[in-house]
Protein backbone atom coordinates (compact mmCIF):
# COMPACT_ATOMS: atom_id res chain seq x y z
CA MET A 1 102.12 90.47 88.47
CA GLU A 2 102.63 90.24 84.76
CA ASP A 3 99.00 90.96 83.78
CA CYS A 4 98.51 93.93 86.15
CA LEU A 5 98.18 97.32 84.42
CA PHE A 6 99.82 99.22 87.28
CA CYS A 7 102.69 96.73 87.55
CA LYS A 8 103.29 97.33 83.82
CA ILE A 9 103.34 101.10 84.43
CA ILE A 10 105.81 100.63 87.30
CA ALA A 11 108.00 98.50 85.02
CA GLY A 12 107.92 101.19 82.31
CA LYS A 13 106.09 98.96 79.83
CA ILE A 14 103.09 101.32 79.66
CA PRO A 15 103.51 105.12 79.72
CA ALA A 16 101.97 107.33 82.38
CA LYS A 17 102.24 111.01 83.32
CA LYS A 18 104.49 110.46 86.32
CA VAL A 19 104.62 113.21 88.94
CA TYR A 20 106.60 111.49 91.70
CA GLU A 21 108.56 108.31 92.24
CA ASP A 22 110.75 106.86 94.94
CA ASP A 23 111.76 103.35 95.96
CA LYS A 24 108.32 102.61 97.51
CA VAL A 25 105.69 104.31 95.34
CA LEU A 26 104.92 105.71 91.93
CA VAL A 27 102.50 108.61 91.47
CA PHE A 28 100.89 109.56 88.17
CA GLU A 29 97.98 111.54 86.76
CA ASP A 30 94.63 109.72 86.53
CA ILE A 31 93.62 109.28 82.88
CA THR A 32 90.03 110.31 83.68
CA PRO A 33 90.50 113.08 86.25
CA GLN A 34 87.56 114.03 88.45
CA ALA A 35 89.17 117.29 89.63
CA PRO A 36 92.04 119.60 88.63
CA THR A 37 94.31 117.42 90.78
CA HIS A 38 93.62 113.72 90.47
CA LEU A 39 96.66 111.58 91.13
CA LEU A 40 97.06 107.87 91.73
CA ILE A 41 99.58 106.85 94.37
CA ILE A 42 100.53 103.21 93.90
CA PRO A 43 102.87 101.08 95.95
CA LYS A 44 105.51 99.36 93.86
CA GLN A 45 104.73 96.19 95.78
CA HIS A 46 101.70 94.47 94.27
CA ILE A 47 98.80 94.38 96.73
CA ILE A 48 95.42 93.59 95.16
CA GLY A 49 93.45 96.03 97.28
CA LEU A 50 92.82 97.32 100.79
CA LYS A 51 90.77 94.28 101.83
CA GLU A 52 93.67 92.03 100.82
CA ALA A 53 96.26 94.07 102.72
CA ARG A 54 97.96 92.38 105.65
CA PRO A 55 99.26 93.85 108.91
CA GLU A 56 102.76 93.98 107.42
CA ASP A 57 101.38 96.29 104.68
CA ALA A 58 100.41 98.97 107.23
CA GLU A 59 103.64 100.89 106.66
CA ILE A 60 103.11 101.26 102.90
CA LEU A 61 99.45 102.21 103.42
CA GLY A 62 100.46 105.01 105.77
CA TYR A 63 103.33 106.00 103.50
CA CYS A 64 100.89 106.48 100.60
CA GLN A 65 98.92 108.91 102.78
CA LEU A 66 102.09 110.84 103.66
CA VAL A 67 103.01 111.10 99.97
CA ALA A 68 99.47 112.40 99.31
CA ALA A 69 99.94 115.10 101.97
CA LYS A 70 103.32 116.09 100.46
CA LEU A 71 101.80 116.38 96.99
CA GLY A 72 98.81 118.29 98.37
CA ARG A 73 101.22 120.87 99.81
CA GLU A 74 103.19 121.04 96.57
CA ARG A 75 100.02 121.56 94.52
CA ASN A 76 98.67 124.15 96.95
CA ILE A 77 95.40 122.29 97.56
CA GLU A 78 95.73 122.03 101.34
CA ASP A 79 92.46 123.93 101.79
CA GLY A 80 90.61 120.80 100.71
CA TYR A 81 91.36 117.48 99.08
CA ARG A 82 90.40 113.85 99.44
CA THR A 83 92.36 110.66 99.63
CA VAL A 84 90.35 107.61 98.61
CA TYR A 85 90.95 103.89 98.44
CA ASN A 86 88.20 102.24 96.40
CA VAL A 87 87.65 98.70 97.67
CA GLY A 88 86.15 96.20 95.26
CA ALA A 89 84.34 96.51 91.97
CA ARG A 90 81.14 97.92 93.53
CA SER A 91 83.10 100.93 94.80
CA GLY A 92 84.52 101.66 91.36
CA GLN A 93 87.85 99.84 91.71
CA SER A 94 88.73 98.77 88.18
CA VAL A 95 92.45 98.04 88.54
CA PHE A 96 93.18 95.47 91.20
CA HIS A 97 96.48 96.88 92.41
CA LEU A 98 96.10 98.96 95.54
CA HIS A 99 96.05 102.67 94.71
CA LEU A 100 95.24 105.82 96.61
CA HIS A 101 93.44 108.63 94.78
CA LEU A 102 94.46 112.19 95.66
CA ILE A 103 91.63 114.42 94.46
CA GLY A 104 91.48 118.19 94.92
CA GLY A 105 91.58 121.64 93.42
CA ARG A 106 87.80 122.15 93.46
CA ASP A 107 85.00 122.19 96.02
CA MET A 108 84.03 118.70 97.15
CA LYS A 109 80.45 117.66 97.90
CA TRP A 110 79.22 115.27 100.59
CA PRO A 111 78.09 112.58 100.36
CA PRO A 112 80.53 111.78 97.56
CA GLY A 113 78.34 109.74 95.26
């Protein structure tokens, strides 16, 4: 989508601190990190959000989780991290392109807020 912030980052029109990229996803540092590790894992395919995902999107949703686990190992935060999909504006979703937060590197509290 031409007006989507994350699609513009994928296209290289807006800079981001990229940490991983392959043919399916792009991963970059969150601009307002909530922990020492706070990455956004975004599919290159534009999906508005989790509630708009279709059964045929299941593979990319799972793939995002596997990329999160890989990056968790690489960043040595396997003793505790979260993966979070915010769904809708009331949850804090502000960019309507599906993205998975990988948050770790500090103690996490429950409930999360």
